[in-house]
Amino acid sequence: NFGSGSSREHAAWAIAGYGFRVVVSSFFADIHKNN
């Protein structure tokens, strides 16, 4: 359940900005997954 909560795109900006290209989990919140 990674990325639950509010739909802020800034969360995906932060992950990409840190240098991650892939996030692996057994479940993602839908909006965050799309972001």
PDB file of all heavy atoms in Angstrom:
ATOM      1  N   ASN A   1       0.830  -1.220   0.000  1.00  0.00           N
ATOM      2  CA  ASN A   1       0.000   0.000   0.000  1.00  0.00           C
ATOM      3  C   ASN A   1       0.859   1.263   0.000  1.00  0.00           C
ATOM      4  O   ASN A   1       0.746   2.118   0.876  1.00  0.00           O
ATOM      5  CB  ASN A   1      -0.992   0.003   1.166  1.00  0.00           C
ATOM      6  CG  ASN A   1      -2.074   1.059   0.983  1.00  0.00           C
ATOM      7  OD1 ASN A   1      -2.392   1.455  -0.137  1.00  0.00           O
ATOM      8  ND2 ASN A   1      -2.647   1.519   2.076  1.00  0.00           N
ATOM      9  N   PHE A   2       1.710   1.384  -1.003  1.00  0.00           N
ATOM     10  CA  PHE A   2       2.606   2.534  -1.118  1.00  0.00           C
ATOM     11  C   PHE A   2       1.891   3.674  -1.839  1.00  0.00           C
ATOM     12  O   PHE A   2       1.251   3.474  -2.867  1.00  0.00           O
ATOM     13  CB  PHE A   2       3.859   2.133  -1.904  1.00  0.00           C
ATOM     14  CG  PHE A   2       4.918   3.201  -1.934  1.00  0.00           C
ATOM     15  CD1 PHE A   2       5.747   3.402  -0.843  1.00  0.00           C
ATOM     16  CD2 PHE A   2       5.084   4.005  -3.049  1.00  0.00           C
ATOM     17  CE1 PHE A   2       6.726   4.389  -0.861  1.00  0.00           C
ATOM     18  CE2 PHE A   2       6.056   4.995  -3.086  1.00  0.00           C
ATOM     19  CZ  PHE A   2       6.879   5.191  -1.984  1.00  0.00           C
ATOM     20  N   GLY A   3       2.005   4.883  -1.288  1.00  0.00           N
ATOM     21  CA  GLY A   3       1.455   6.072  -1.951  1.00  0.00           C
ATOM     22  C   GLY A   3       0.000   6.346  -1.652  1.00  0.00           C
ATOM     23  O   GLY A   3      -0.681   7.019  -2.429  1.00  0.00           O
ATOM     24  N   SER A   4      -0.488   5.863  -0.513  1.00  0.00           N
ATOM     25  CA  SER A   4      -1.880   6.148  -0.126  1.00  0.00           C
ATOM     26  C   SER A   4      -1.991   7.602   0.327  1.00  0.00           C
ATOM     27  O   SER A   4      -1.003   8.315   0.397  1.00  0.00           O
ATOM     28  CB  SER A   4      -2.314   5.191   0.988  1.00  0.00           C
ATOM     29  OG  SER A   4      -1.436   5.306   2.099  1.00  0.00           O
ATOM     30  N   GLY A   5      -3.214   8.013   0.640  1.00  0.00           N
ATOM     31  CA  GLY A   5      -3.404   9.386   1.115  1.00  0.00           C
ATOM     32  C   GLY A   5      -3.737  10.343  -0.012  1.00  0.00           C
ATOM     33  O   GLY A   5      -4.323   9.952  -1.017  1.00  0.00           O
ATOM     34  N   SER A   6      -3.349  11.599   0.139  1.00  0.00           N
ATOM     35  CA  SER A   6      -3.737  12.620  -0.842  1.00  0.00           C
ATOM     36  C   SER A   6      -3.080  12.361  -2.191  1.00  0.00           C
ATOM     37  O   SER A   6      -2.081  11.655  -2.292  1.00  0.00           O
ATOM     38  CB  SER A   6      -3.354  14.021  -0.333  1.00  0.00           C
ATOM     39  OG  SER A   6      -1.960  14.207  -0.426  1.00  0.00           O
ATOM     40  N   SER A   7      -3.646  12.966  -3.223  1.00  0.00           N
ATOM     41  CA  SER A   7      -3.242  12.642  -4.600  1.00  0.00           C
ATOM     42  C   SER A   7      -2.072  13.484  -5.112  1.00  0.00           C
ATOM     43  O   SER A   7      -1.821  13.507  -6.298  1.00  0.00           O
ATOM     44  CB  SER A   7      -4.438  12.830  -5.531  1.00  0.00           C
ATOM     45  OG  SER A   7      -4.887  14.179  -5.474  1.00  0.00           O
ATOM     46  N   ARG A   8      -1.356  14.153  -4.244  1.00  0.00           N
ATOM     47  CA  ARG A   8      -0.318  15.104  -4.670  1.00  0.00           C
ATOM     48  C   ARG A   8       0.708  14.487  -5.635  1.00  0.00           C
ATOM     49  O   ARG A   8       1.337  13.484  -5.341  1.00  0.00           O
ATOM     50  CB  ARG A   8       0.393  15.695  -3.443  1.00  0.00           C
ATOM     51  CG  ARG A   8       1.181  14.701  -2.631  1.00  0.00           C
ATOM     52  CD  ARG A   8       1.671  15.295  -1.318  1.00  0.00           C
ATOM     53  NE  ARG A   8       0.558  15.555  -0.408  1.00  0.00           N
ATOM     54  CZ  ARG A   8       0.703  15.777   0.888  1.00  0.00           C
ATOM     55  NH1 ARG A   8       1.894  15.782   1.437  1.00  0.00           N
ATOM     56  NH2 ARG A   8      -0.336  16.001   1.656  1.00  0.00           N
ATOM     57  N   GLU A   9       0.864  15.135  -6.780  1.00  0.00           N
ATOM     58  CA  GLU A   9       1.848  14.672  -7.763  1.00  0.00           C
ATOM     59  C   GLU A   9       3.271  14.930  -7.271  1.00  0.00           C
ATOM     60  O   GLU A   9       4.219  14.278  -7.701  1.00  0.00           O
ATOM     61  CB  GLU A   9       1.625  15.365  -9.110  1.00  0.00           C
ATOM     62  CG  GLU A   9       2.460  14.757 -10.224  1.00  0.00           C
ATOM     63  CD  GLU A   9       2.178  15.336 -11.593  1.00  0.00           C
ATOM     64  OE1 GLU A   9       1.588  16.425 -11.674  1.00  0.00           O
ATOM     65  OE2 GLU A   9       2.579  14.695 -12.577  1.00  0.00           O
ATOM     66  N   HIS A  10       3.409  15.864  -6.330  1.00  0.00           N
ATOM     67  CA  HIS A  10       4.728  16.189  -5.788  1.00  0.00           C
ATOM     68  C   HIS A  10       5.425  14.951  -5.209  1.00  0.00           C
ATOM     69  O   HIS A  10       6.652  14.888  -5.187  1.00  0.00           O
ATOM     70  CB  HIS A  10       4.593  17.245  -4.680  1.00  0.00           C
ATOM     71  CG  HIS A  10       3.932  18.521  -5.123  1.00  0.00           C
ATOM     72  ND1 HIS A  10       2.606  18.567  -5.492  1.00  0.00           N
ATOM     73  CD2 HIS A  10       4.406  19.786  -5.251  1.00  0.00           C
ATOM     74  CE1 HIS A  10       2.292  19.811  -5.821  1.00  0.00           C
ATOM     75  NE2 HIS A  10       3.363  20.561  -5.687  1.00  0.00           N
ATOM     76  N   ALA A  11       4.635  13.966  -4.746  1.00  0.00           N
ATOM     77  CA  ALA A  11       5.235  12.744  -4.195  1.00  0.00           C
ATOM     78  C   ALA A  11       6.012  12.005  -5.283  1.00  0.00           C
ATOM     79  O   ALA A  11       7.133  11.542  -5.052  1.00  0.00           O
ATOM     80  CB  ALA A  11       4.156  11.844  -3.602  1.00  0.00           C
ATOM     81  N   ALA A  12       5.426  11.921  -6.471  1.00  0.00           N
ATOM     82  CA  ALA A  12       6.131  11.274  -7.591  1.00  0.00           C
ATOM     83  C   ALA A  12       7.318  12.126  -8.035  1.00  0.00           C
ATOM     84  O   ALA A  12       8.367  11.591  -8.410  1.00  0.00           O
ATOM     85  CB  ALA A  12       5.168  11.049  -8.755  1.00  0.00           C
ATOM     86  N   TRP A  13       7.175  13.472  -7.990  1.00  0.00           N
ATOM     87  CA  TRP A  13       8.306  14.357  -8.327  1.00  0.00           C
ATOM     88  C   TRP A  13       9.485  14.078  -7.396  1.00  0.00           C
ATOM     89  O   TRP A  13      10.630  14.067  -7.833  1.00  0.00           O
ATOM     90  CB  TRP A  13       7.906  15.823  -8.186  1.00  0.00           C
ATOM     91  CG  TRP A  13       6.879  16.329  -9.145  1.00  0.00           C
ATOM     92  CD1 TRP A  13       6.295  15.651 -10.173  1.00  0.00           C
ATOM     93  CD2 TRP A  13       6.308  17.637  -9.158  1.00  0.00           C
ATOM     94  NE1 TRP A  13       5.389  16.456 -10.810  1.00  0.00           N
ATOM     95  CE2 TRP A  13       5.376  17.680 -10.213  1.00  0.00           C
ATOM     96  CE3 TRP A  13       6.484  18.774  -8.365  1.00  0.00           C
ATOM     97  CZ2 TRP A  13       4.624  18.822 -10.508  1.00  0.00           C
ATOM     98  CZ3 TRP A  13       5.743  19.904  -8.656  1.00  0.00           C
ATOM     99  CH2 TRP A  13       4.832  19.929  -9.718  1.00  0.00           C
ATOM    100  N   ALA A  14       9.188  13.885  -6.099  1.00  0.00           N
ATOM    101  CA  ALA A  14      10.252  13.660  -5.115  1.00  0.00           C
ATOM    102  C   ALA A  14      10.962  12.330  -5.360  1.00  0.00           C
ATOM    103  O   ALA A  14      12.189  12.249  -5.284  1.00  0.00           O
ATOM    104  CB  ALA A  14       9.674  13.711  -3.696  1.00  0.00           C
ATOM    105  N   ILE A  15      10.188  11.305  -5.678  1.00  0.00           N
ATOM    106  CA  ILE A  15      10.779   9.982  -5.942  1.00  0.00           C
ATOM    107  C   ILE A  15      11.681  10.047  -7.169  1.00  0.00           C
ATOM    108  O   ILE A  15      12.820   9.569  -7.156  1.00  0.00           O
ATOM    109  CB  ILE A  15       9.660   8.928  -6.108  1.00  0.00           C
ATOM    110  CG1 ILE A  15       8.982   8.687  -4.751  1.00  0.00           C
ATOM    111  CG2 ILE A  15      10.220   7.615  -6.670  1.00  0.00           C
ATOM    112  CD1 ILE A  15       7.656   7.965  -4.853  1.00  0.00           C
ATOM    113  N   ALA A  16      11.172  10.676  -8.232  1.00  0.00           N
ATOM    114  CA  ALA A  16      11.972  10.818  -9.459  1.00  0.00           C
ATOM    115  C   ALA A  16      13.168  11.729  -9.218  1.00  0.00           C
ATOM    116  O   ALA A  16      14.282  11.450  -9.680  1.00  0.00           O
ATOM    117  CB  ALA A  16      11.105  11.374 -10.589  1.00  0.00           C
ATOM    118  N   GLY A  17      12.957  12.811  -8.466  1.00  0.00           N
ATOM    119  CA  GLY A  17      14.026  13.771  -8.211  1.00  0.00           C
ATOM    120  C   GLY A  17      15.161  13.190  -7.396  1.00  0.00           C
ATOM    121  O   GLY A  17      16.320  13.590  -7.550  1.00  0.00           O
ATOM    122  N   TYR A  18      14.849  12.217  -6.550  1.00  0.00           N
ATOM    123  CA  TYR A  18      15.893  11.558  -5.759  1.00  0.00           C
ATOM    124  C   TYR A  18      16.748  10.644  -6.632  1.00  0.00           C
ATOM    125  O   TYR A  18      17.908  10.372  -6.325  1.00  0.00           O
ATOM    126  CB  TYR A  18      15.262  10.754  -4.619  1.00  0.00           C
ATOM    127  CG  TYR A  18      16.286  10.163  -3.681  1.00  0.00           C
ATOM    128  CD1 TYR A  18      16.873  10.939  -2.680  1.00  0.00           C
ATOM    129  CD2 TYR A  18      16.698   8.839  -3.803  1.00  0.00           C
ATOM    130  CE1 TYR A  18      17.828  10.408  -1.823  1.00  0.00           C
ATOM    131  CE2 TYR A  18      17.653   8.300  -2.951  1.00  0.00           C
ATOM    132  CZ  TYR A  18      18.215   9.091  -1.970  1.00  0.00           C
ATOM    133  OH  TYR A  18      19.164   8.561  -1.130  1.00  0.00           O
ATOM    134  N   GLY A  19      16.158  10.166  -7.721  1.00  0.00           N
ATOM    135  CA  GLY A  19      16.908   9.297  -8.640  1.00  0.00           C
ATOM    136  C   GLY A  19      16.362   7.885  -8.769  1.00  0.00           C
ATOM    137  O   GLY A  19      16.957   7.048  -9.458  1.00  0.00           O
ATOM    138  N   PHE A  20      15.215   7.624  -8.132  1.00  0.00           N
ATOM    139  CA  PHE A  20      14.617   6.296  -8.296  1.00  0.00           C
ATOM    140  C   PHE A  20      13.941   6.206  -9.665  1.00  0.00           C
ATOM    141  O   PHE A  20      13.227   7.117 -10.074  1.00  0.00           O
ATOM    142  CB  PHE A  20      13.591   6.013  -7.189  1.00  0.00           C
ATOM    143  CG  PHE A  20      14.206   5.769  -5.840  1.00  0.00           C
ATOM    144  CD1 PHE A  20      13.887   6.581  -4.763  1.00  0.00           C
ATOM    145  CD2 PHE A  20      15.103   4.724  -5.648  1.00  0.00           C
ATOM    146  CE1 PHE A  20      14.455   6.365  -3.510  1.00  0.00           C
ATOM    147  CE2 PHE A  20      15.684   4.507  -4.401  1.00  0.00           C
ATOM    148  CZ  PHE A  20      15.353   5.328  -3.329  1.00  0.00           C
ATOM    149  N   ARG A  21      14.169   5.092 -10.366  1.00  0.00           N
ATOM    150  CA  ARG A  21      13.498   4.846 -11.652  1.00  0.00           C
ATOM    151  C   ARG A  21      12.375   3.825 -11.499  1.00  0.00           C
ATOM    152  O   ARG A  21      11.483   3.739 -12.348  1.00  0.00           O
ATOM    153  CB  ARG A  21      14.492   4.295 -12.694  1.00  0.00           C
ATOM    154  CG  ARG A  21      15.712   5.125 -12.991  1.00  0.00           C
ATOM    155  CD  ARG A  21      15.479   6.390 -13.792  1.00  0.00           C
ATOM    156  NE  ARG A  21      14.578   6.301 -14.925  1.00  0.00           N
ATOM    157  CZ  ARG A  21      14.897   5.849 -16.149  1.00  0.00           C
ATOM    158  NH1 ARG A  21      16.104   5.401 -16.400  1.00  0.00           N
ATOM    159  NH2 ARG A  21      14.005   5.850 -17.114  1.00  0.00           N
ATOM    160  N   VAL A  22      12.449   3.020 -10.421  1.00  0.00           N
ATOM    161  CA  VAL A  22      11.482   1.939 -10.195  1.00  0.00           C
ATOM    162  C   VAL A  22      11.094   1.932  -8.724  1.00  0.00           C
ATOM    163  O   VAL A  22      11.953   2.144  -7.857  1.00  0.00           O
ATOM    164  CB  VAL A  22      12.102   0.556 -10.546  1.00  0.00           C
ATOM    165  CG1 VAL A  22      11.114  -0.575 -10.253  1.00  0.00           C
ATOM    166  CG2 VAL A  22      12.570   0.503 -11.995  1.00  0.00           C
ATOM    167  N   VAL A  23       9.807   1.706  -8.445  1.00  0.00           N
ATOM    168  CA  VAL A  23       9.353   1.422  -7.086  1.00  0.00           C
ATOM    169  C   VAL A  23       8.647   0.072  -7.133  1.00  0.00           C
ATOM    170  O   VAL A  23       7.777  -0.149  -7.979  1.00  0.00           O
ATOM    171  CB  VAL A  23       8.400   2.500  -6.530  1.00  0.00           C
ATOM    172  CG1 VAL A  23       7.976   2.154  -5.103  1.00  0.00           C
ATOM    173  CG2 VAL A  23       9.052   3.879  -6.559  1.00  0.00           C
ATOM    174  N   VAL A  24       9.041  -0.825  -6.246  1.00  0.00           N
ATOM    175  CA  VAL A  24       8.455  -2.165  -6.180  1.00  0.00           C
ATOM    176  C   VAL A  24       7.629  -2.268  -4.905  1.00  0.00           C
ATOM    177  O   VAL A  24       8.086  -1.881  -3.836  1.00  0.00           O
ATOM    178  CB  VAL A  24       9.555  -3.257  -6.175  1.00  0.00           C
ATOM    179  CG1 VAL A  24       8.929  -4.655  -6.133  1.00  0.00           C
ATOM    180  CG2 VAL A  24      10.482  -3.111  -7.374  1.00  0.00           C
ATOM    181  N   SER A  25       6.409  -2.771  -5.033  1.00  0.00           N
ATOM    182  CA  SER A  25       5.550  -2.989  -3.868  1.00  0.00           C
ATOM    183  C   SER A  25       4.537  -4.072  -4.232  1.00  0.00           C
ATOM    184  O   SER A  25       4.380  -4.414  -5.402  1.00  0.00           O
ATOM    185  CB  SER A  25       4.830  -1.695  -3.474  1.00  0.00           C
ATOM    186  OG  SER A  25       3.970  -1.914  -2.359  1.00  0.00           O
ATOM    187  N   SER A  26       3.832  -4.595  -3.218  1.00  0.00           N
ATOM    188  CA  SER A  26       2.781  -5.568  -3.513  1.00  0.00           C
ATOM    189  C   SER A  26       1.443  -4.883  -3.785  1.00  0.00           C
ATOM    190  O   SER A  26       0.505  -5.511  -4.259  1.00  0.00           O
ATOM    191  CB  SER A  26       2.636  -6.568  -2.366  1.00  0.00           C
ATOM    192  OG  SER A  26       2.365  -5.893  -1.160  1.00  0.00           O
ATOM    193  N   PHE A  27       1.363  -3.561  -3.503  1.00  0.00           N
ATOM    194  CA  PHE A  27       0.135  -2.809  -3.798  1.00  0.00           C
ATOM    195  C   PHE A  27       0.447  -1.311  -3.785  1.00  0.00           C
ATOM    196  O   PHE A  27       1.149  -0.837  -2.901  1.00  0.00           O
ATOM    197  CB  PHE A  27      -0.964  -3.106  -2.762  1.00  0.00           C
ATOM    198  CG  PHE A  27      -2.266  -2.417  -3.059  1.00  0.00           C
ATOM    199  CD1 PHE A  27      -3.157  -2.954  -3.972  1.00  0.00           C
ATOM    200  CD2 PHE A  27      -2.581  -1.211  -2.444  1.00  0.00           C
ATOM    201  CE1 PHE A  27      -4.351  -2.302  -4.276  1.00  0.00           C
ATOM    202  CE2 PHE A  27      -3.768  -0.548  -2.735  1.00  0.00           C
ATOM    203  CZ  PHE A  27      -4.657  -1.102  -3.655  1.00  0.00           C
ATOM    204  N   PHE A  28      -0.081  -0.600  -4.782  1.00  0.00           N
ATOM    205  CA  PHE A  28       0.057   0.857  -4.865  1.00  0.00           C
ATOM    206  C   PHE A  28      -1.323   1.497  -4.833  1.00  0.00           C
ATOM    207  O   PHE A  28      -2.276   0.961  -5.414  1.00  0.00           O
ATOM    208  CB  PHE A  28       0.703   1.284  -6.189  1.00  0.00           C
ATOM    209  CG  PHE A  28       2.156   0.971  -6.324  1.00  0.00           C
ATOM    210  CD1 PHE A  28       2.580  -0.263  -6.790  1.00  0.00           C
ATOM    211  CD2 PHE A  28       3.122   1.923  -6.010  1.00  0.00           C
ATOM    212  CE1 PHE A  28       3.929  -0.557  -6.927  1.00  0.00           C
ATOM    213  CE2 PHE A  28       4.471   1.639  -6.145  1.00  0.00           C
ATOM    214  CZ  PHE A  28       4.877   0.395  -6.607  1.00  0.00           C
ATOM    215  N   ALA A  29      -1.412   2.668  -4.213  1.00  0.00           N
ATOM    216  CA  ALA A  29      -2.620   3.485  -4.365  1.00  0.00           C
ATOM    217  C   ALA A  29      -2.712   3.911  -5.832  1.00  0.00           C
ATOM    218  O   ALA A  29      -1.709   4.308  -6.426  1.00  0.00           O
ATOM    219  CB  ALA A  29      -2.542   4.703  -3.452  1.00  0.00           C
ATOM    220  N   ASP A  30      -3.901   3.816  -6.428  1.00  0.00           N
ATOM    221  CA  ASP A  30      -4.062   4.020  -7.875  1.00  0.00           C
ATOM    222  C   ASP A  30      -3.567   5.369  -8.373  1.00  0.00           C
ATOM    223  O   ASP A  30      -2.860   5.448  -9.377  1.00  0.00           O
ATOM    224  CB  ASP A  30      -5.536   3.859  -8.281  1.00  0.00           C
ATOM    225  CG  ASP A  30      -5.919   2.406  -8.472  1.00  0.00           C
ATOM    226  OD1 ASP A  30      -5.006   1.556  -8.561  1.00  0.00           O
ATOM    227  OD2 ASP A  30      -7.122   2.116  -8.526  1.00  0.00           O
ATOM    228  N   ILE A  31      -3.955   6.450  -7.681  1.00  0.00           N
ATOM    229  CA  ILE A  31      -3.581   7.789  -8.164  1.00  0.00           C
ATOM    230  C   ILE A  31      -2.070   7.957  -8.107  1.00  0.00           C
ATOM    231  O   ILE A  31      -1.448   8.449  -9.046  1.00  0.00           O
ATOM    232  CB  ILE A  31      -4.306   8.897  -7.370  1.00  0.00           C
ATOM    233  CG1 ILE A  31      -5.803   8.854  -7.669  1.00  0.00           C
ATOM    234  CG2 ILE A  31      -3.731  10.276  -7.718  1.00  0.00           C
ATOM    235  CD1 ILE A  31      -6.648   9.795  -6.833  1.00  0.00           C
ATOM    236  N   HIS A  32      -1.474   7.499  -7.016  1.00  0.00           N
ATOM    237  CA  HIS A  32      -0.017   7.627  -6.908  1.00  0.00           C
ATOM    238  C   HIS A  32       0.684   6.780  -7.972  1.00  0.00           C
ATOM    239  O   HIS A  32       1.676   7.215  -8.563  1.00  0.00           O
ATOM    240  CB  HIS A  32       0.471   7.223  -5.513  1.00  0.00           C
ATOM    241  CG  HIS A  32       1.952   7.333  -5.381  1.00  0.00           C
ATOM    242  ND1 HIS A  32       2.596   8.554  -5.312  1.00  0.00           N
ATOM    243  CD2 HIS A  32       2.933   6.391  -5.380  1.00  0.00           C
ATOM    244  CE1 HIS A  32       3.912   8.343  -5.262  1.00  0.00           C
ATOM    245  NE2 HIS A  32       4.131   7.039  -5.304  1.00  0.00           N
ATOM    246  N   LYS A  33       0.158   5.612  -8.230  1.00  0.00           N
ATOM    247  CA  LYS A  33       0.737   4.734  -9.262  1.00  0.00           C
ATOM    248  C   LYS A  33       0.756   5.455 -10.617  1.00  0.00           C
ATOM    249  O   LYS A  33       1.766   5.457 -11.322  1.00  0.00           O
ATOM    250  CB  LYS A  33      -0.089   3.446  -9.348  1.00  0.00           C
ATOM    251  CG  LYS A  33       0.453   2.414 -10.315  1.00  0.00           C
ATOM    252  CD  LYS A  33      -0.440   1.166 -10.284  1.00  0.00           C
ATOM    253  CE  LYS A  33       0.086   0.101 -11.207  1.00  0.00           C
ATOM    254  NZ  LYS A  33      -0.799  -1.083 -11.220  1.00  0.00           N
ATOM    255  N   ASN A  34      -0.358   6.100 -10.958  1.00  0.00           N
ATOM    256  CA  ASN A  34      -0.429   6.843 -12.222  1.00  0.00           C
ATOM    257  C   ASN A  34       0.493   8.059 -12.221  1.00  0.00           C
ATOM    258  O   ASN A  34       1.101   8.385 -13.247  1.00  0.00           O
ATOM    259  CB  ASN A  34      -1.874   7.250 -12.528  1.00  0.00           C
ATOM    260  CG  ASN A  34      -2.698   6.075 -13.003  1.00  0.00           C
ATOM    261  OD1 ASN A  34      -2.211   5.237 -13.764  1.00  0.00           O
ATOM    262  ND2 ASN A  34      -3.929   5.977 -12.547  1.00  0.00           N
ATOM    263  N   ASN A  35       0.596   8.724 -11.071  1.00  0.00           N
ATOM    264  CA  ASN A  35       1.514   9.863 -10.979  1.00  0.00           C
ATOM    265  C   ASN A  35       2.961   9.424 -11.201  1.00  0.00           C
ATOM    266  O   ASN A  35       3.739  10.132 -11.845  1.00  0.00           O
ATOM    267  CB  ASN A  35       1.383  10.556  -9.616  1.00  0.00           C
ATOM    268  CG  ASN A  35       0.132  11.418  -9.516  1.00  0.00           C
ATOM    269  OD1 ASN A  35      -0.462  11.793 -10.524  1.00  0.00           O
ATOM    270  ND2 ASN A  35      -0.277  11.724  -8.301  1.00  0.00           N
TER     271      ASN A  35
END
